[in-house]
Amino acid sequence: MSFSKLRDELKSKPLDEVTCLQDFHSVYFSESFKGALKDLNDKYINHLFNDLSGLSSQANFKEFLKGTYMQSNEFAKDCIQLAYHSKSLYGLRIKGWTDSALKCFDNFILILIQDVLIEKIKSTPHLGTEREKYKHLIDKSGDLHVIGMGLEVVYQQRNEFSHIELIDVDGKRRQKPISKKKIKVLKQIILENFKMSLLALEKQMV
């Protein structure tokens, strides 16, 4: 669809129908996109996992995640609504997308460590609760190490978008701009490390 046609379509949408984010998606998403979402049959995790890993995984995500499935599925849906395919991500959308993707797969890691390996996640001073589960796996070998290392890298790259405030020599504070080139590099690192982690994670579920 050309820009002019998209603009005219958006102008034709009734603004008084938009009272929440769900209404926004319903009104403004193209019919083809809404059709693609519907075709997923609410299996957003499956789509996101396979999109990132390049697999056609036969893993039973609902069985593996049990009570946390719905929460992870909603985070996966957030990602898909930002970019149906991760490679089409652009600009600062990568920050919100990465936030949701990490939260989606964090439930996999918590279950892997606590319910599959039956281990207690070790506390590490000054590391932060979110990263302790990655460190727990990094300290292991083989695929478990790969899973933890990949997600740790993703977490660190995500922070490049979050911690951007600087203090100049004169004491004034400002936000550090992020160039398009930098965003492109961060996106590549994030997607490559998600793929590496999920390929290793899939082996723990089948």
Protein backbone atom coordinates (compact mmCIF):
# COMPACT_ATOMS: atom_id res chain seq x y z
CA MET A 1 0.00 0.00 0.00
CA SER A 2 1.30 3.44 -0.94
CA PHE A 3 1.79 6.12 1.70
CA SER A 4 -1.02 8.27 0.24
CA LYS A 5 -3.48 5.36 0.32
CA LEU A 6 -2.46 4.48 3.89
CA ARG A 7 -2.88 8.14 4.93
CA ASP A 8 -6.37 8.29 3.39
CA GLU A 9 -7.31 5.02 5.08
CA LEU A 10 -6.20 6.28 8.47
CA LYS A 11 -8.09 9.55 8.00
CA SER A 12 -11.25 7.59 7.27
CA LYS A 13 -11.09 5.72 10.58
CA PRO A 14 -13.49 6.97 13.32
CA LEU A 15 -11.40 8.43 16.14
CA ASP A 16 -14.29 8.26 18.60
CA GLU A 17 -14.02 4.46 18.44
CA VAL A 18 -10.53 4.56 19.94
CA THR A 19 -10.72 4.53 23.74
CA CYS A 20 -7.93 2.07 24.57
CA LEU A 21 -4.94 0.31 23.01
CA GLN A 22 -7.08 -2.68 21.99
CA ASP A 23 -9.44 -0.32 20.13
CA PHE A 24 -6.46 1.31 18.43
CA HIS A 25 -5.26 -2.06 17.15
CA SER A 26 -8.75 -2.95 15.96
CA VAL A 27 -9.31 0.34 14.12
CA TYR A 28 -5.89 1.07 12.67
CA PHE A 29 -4.30 -2.28 11.84
CA SER A 30 -4.79 -3.23 8.22
CA GLU A 31 -7.22 -6.01 7.43
CA SER A 32 -4.36 -8.18 6.14
CA PHE A 33 -2.42 -7.75 9.37
CA LYS A 34 -5.47 -8.49 11.50
CA GLY A 35 -6.04 -11.56 9.35
CA ALA A 36 -2.46 -12.71 9.91
CA LEU A 37 -2.86 -12.29 13.68
CA LYS A 38 -6.12 -14.24 13.60
CA ASP A 39 -4.45 -17.05 11.64
CA LEU A 40 -2.03 -17.53 14.54
CA ASN A 41 -5.01 -18.82 16.55
CA ASP A 42 -3.71 -17.10 19.72
CA LYS A 43 -0.45 -19.09 19.53
CA TYR A 44 1.74 -16.00 19.67
CA ILE A 45 4.60 -17.73 21.48
CA ASN A 46 4.86 -20.32 18.73
CA HIS A 47 5.14 -17.64 16.07
CA LEU A 48 7.67 -15.53 17.98
CA PHE A 49 9.80 -18.52 18.96
CA ASN A 50 9.92 -19.88 15.41
CA ASP A 51 10.46 -16.45 13.88
CA LEU A 52 13.49 -15.80 16.11
CA SER A 53 14.98 -19.29 16.03
CA GLY A 54 14.31 -20.12 12.38
CA LEU A 55 12.78 -23.40 13.52
CA SER A 56 9.39 -25.01 13.12
CA SER A 57 9.45 -26.18 16.71
CA GLN A 58 7.23 -29.06 17.78
CA ALA A 59 7.72 -28.21 21.46
CA ASN A 60 4.56 -27.99 23.57
CA PHE A 61 4.98 -24.47 24.94
CA LYS A 62 1.70 -24.53 26.85
CA GLU A 63 2.69 -27.73 28.64
CA PHE A 64 6.19 -26.46 29.40
CA LEU A 65 5.08 -23.06 30.71
CA LYS A 66 1.97 -24.32 32.51
CA GLY A 67 0.53 -21.47 34.62
CA THR A 68 2.79 -18.83 33.08
CA TYR A 69 1.74 -19.59 29.50
CA MET A 70 -0.89 -16.87 29.20
CA GLN A 71 1.46 -14.18 30.53
CA SER A 72 4.26 -15.15 28.15
CA ASN A 73 1.77 -15.40 25.29
CA GLU A 74 0.64 -11.81 25.89
CA PHE A 75 4.24 -10.58 25.86
CA ALA A 76 4.76 -12.47 22.59
CA LYS A 77 1.63 -10.80 21.18
CA ASP A 78 3.08 -7.39 22.10
CA CYS A 79 6.17 -8.25 20.04
CA ILE A 80 4.15 -9.39 17.03
CA GLN A 81 2.01 -6.25 17.08
CA LEU A 82 5.19 -4.20 16.86
CA ALA A 83 6.66 -6.37 14.10
CA TYR A 84 5.03 -9.50 12.70
CA HIS A 85 8.51 -10.65 11.67
CA SER A 86 11.42 -9.54 13.85
CA LYS A 87 13.60 -8.70 10.85
CA SER A 88 11.18 -5.91 9.93
CA LEU A 89 11.82 -4.06 13.21
CA TYR A 90 13.06 -0.53 12.71
CA GLY A 91 14.03 2.49 14.76
CA LEU A 92 13.38 2.70 18.48
CA ARG A 93 10.64 0.07 18.22
CA ILE A 94 13.43 -2.39 19.01
CA LYS A 95 13.49 -1.20 22.65
CA GLY A 96 9.84 -1.96 23.43
CA TRP A 97 10.01 -5.13 21.36
CA THR A 98 13.09 -6.37 23.26
CA ASP A 99 11.48 -5.56 26.62
CA SER A 100 8.49 -7.74 25.78
CA ALA A 101 10.54 -10.52 24.18
CA LEU A 102 12.78 -10.82 27.25
CA LYS A 103 9.75 -10.96 29.56
CA CYS A 104 8.19 -13.61 27.33
CA PHE A 105 11.21 -15.91 27.46
CA ASP A 106 12.14 -15.14 31.08
CA ASN A 107 9.30 -17.44 32.15
CA PHE A 108 10.94 -20.25 30.13
CA ILE A 109 14.19 -19.69 32.02
CA LEU A 110 12.56 -19.58 35.44
CA ILE A 111 10.78 -22.88 34.76
CA LEU A 112 13.88 -24.46 33.24
CA ILE A 113 15.97 -23.71 36.32
CA GLN A 114 13.42 -24.18 39.09
CA ASP A 115 11.10 -26.90 37.75
CA VAL A 116 13.21 -28.87 35.25
CA LEU A 117 16.67 -28.66 36.81
CA ILE A 118 15.07 -28.33 40.27
CA GLU A 119 17.60 -25.72 41.37
CA LYS A 120 17.37 -22.51 43.34
CA ILE A 121 18.57 -19.44 41.46
CA LYS A 122 21.70 -18.13 43.11
CA SER A 123 21.76 -14.56 44.38
CA THR A 124 24.63 -12.45 43.10
CA PRO A 125 25.33 -9.11 44.84
CA HIS A 126 24.94 -5.99 42.66
CA LEU A 127 23.75 -8.01 39.66
CA GLY A 128 20.01 -7.44 39.94
CA THR A 129 17.20 -9.97 40.21
CA GLU A 130 16.46 -10.14 36.47
CA ARG A 131 20.02 -11.01 35.49
CA GLU A 132 20.63 -13.58 38.24
CA LYS A 133 18.83 -16.31 36.29
CA TYR A 134 21.06 -15.67 33.26
CA LYS A 135 24.17 -15.82 35.46
CA HIS A 136 22.89 -19.09 36.96
CA LEU A 137 22.90 -20.67 33.50
CA ILE A 138 26.11 -18.98 32.35
CA ASP A 139 27.92 -20.75 35.19
CA LYS A 140 26.95 -24.09 33.66
CA SER A 141 28.20 -25.76 30.49
CA GLY A 142 26.83 -26.78 27.11
CA ASP A 143 23.41 -25.58 25.97
CA LEU A 144 22.54 -24.16 29.40
CA HIS A 145 25.56 -21.86 29.21
CA VAL A 146 24.57 -20.83 25.68
CA ILE A 147 21.02 -19.97 26.77
CA GLY A 148 22.18 -17.81 29.67
CA MET A 149 24.93 -16.07 27.73
CA GLY A 150 22.67 -15.19 24.80
CA LEU A 151 19.96 -13.68 26.97
CA GLU A 152 22.52 -11.80 29.06
CA VAL A 153 23.83 -10.19 25.87
CA VAL A 154 20.29 -9.28 24.80
CA TYR A 155 19.64 -7.73 28.22
CA GLN A 156 22.79 -5.64 28.01
CA GLN A 157 21.99 -4.41 24.49
CA ARG A 158 18.47 -3.50 25.63
CA ASN A 159 20.04 -1.31 28.31
CA GLU A 160 21.80 0.68 25.60
CA PHE A 161 18.37 2.15 24.84
CA SER A 162 17.47 2.72 28.49
CA HIS A 163 20.55 4.25 30.10
CA ILE A 164 21.16 7.24 27.84
CA GLU A 165 21.45 10.14 30.28
CA LEU A 166 24.87 11.77 30.54
CA ILE A 167 26.45 14.42 32.76
CA ASP A 168 28.66 16.88 30.88
CA VAL A 169 31.82 18.39 32.35
CA ASP A 170 29.85 21.50 33.32
CA GLY A 171 27.43 19.37 35.35
CA LYS A 172 24.53 19.70 32.93
CA ARG A 173 22.60 16.57 32.09
CA ARG A 174 21.46 15.50 28.66
CA GLN A 175 20.33 12.43 26.79
CA LYS A 176 22.79 10.74 24.47
CA PRO A 177 21.34 10.40 20.95
CA ILE A 178 21.32 6.95 19.36
CA SER A 179 22.19 6.96 15.68
CA LYS A 180 20.37 4.87 13.06
CA LYS A 181 23.62 2.99 12.49
CA LYS A 182 23.89 2.18 16.20
CA ILE A 183 20.28 1.00 16.31
CA LYS A 184 20.90 -1.27 13.33
CA VAL A 185 23.96 -2.80 15.03
CA LEU A 186 22.07 -3.33 18.31
CA LYS A 187 19.16 -4.94 16.48
CA GLN A 188 21.50 -7.40 14.75
CA ILE A 189 23.19 -8.34 18.03
CA ILE A 190 19.82 -8.78 19.79
CA LEU A 191 18.33 -10.99 17.08
CA GLU A 192 21.47 -13.11 16.70
CA ASN A 193 21.65 -13.78 20.44
CA PHE A 194 17.96 -14.55 20.74
CA LYS A 195 18.38 -17.10 17.95
CA MET A 196 21.39 -18.68 19.64
CA SER A 197 19.58 -18.93 22.99
CA LEU A 198 16.32 -20.27 21.59
CA LEU A 199 18.02 -22.94 19.50
CA ALA A 200 19.64 -24.21 22.69
CA LEU A 201 16.45 -23.78 24.73
CA GLU A 202 14.38 -25.82 22.28
CA LYS A 203 16.58 -28.84 23.00
CA GLN A 204 15.52 -28.65 26.67
CA MET A 205 11.83 -28.93 25.78
CA VAL A 206 11.71 -31.79 23.25
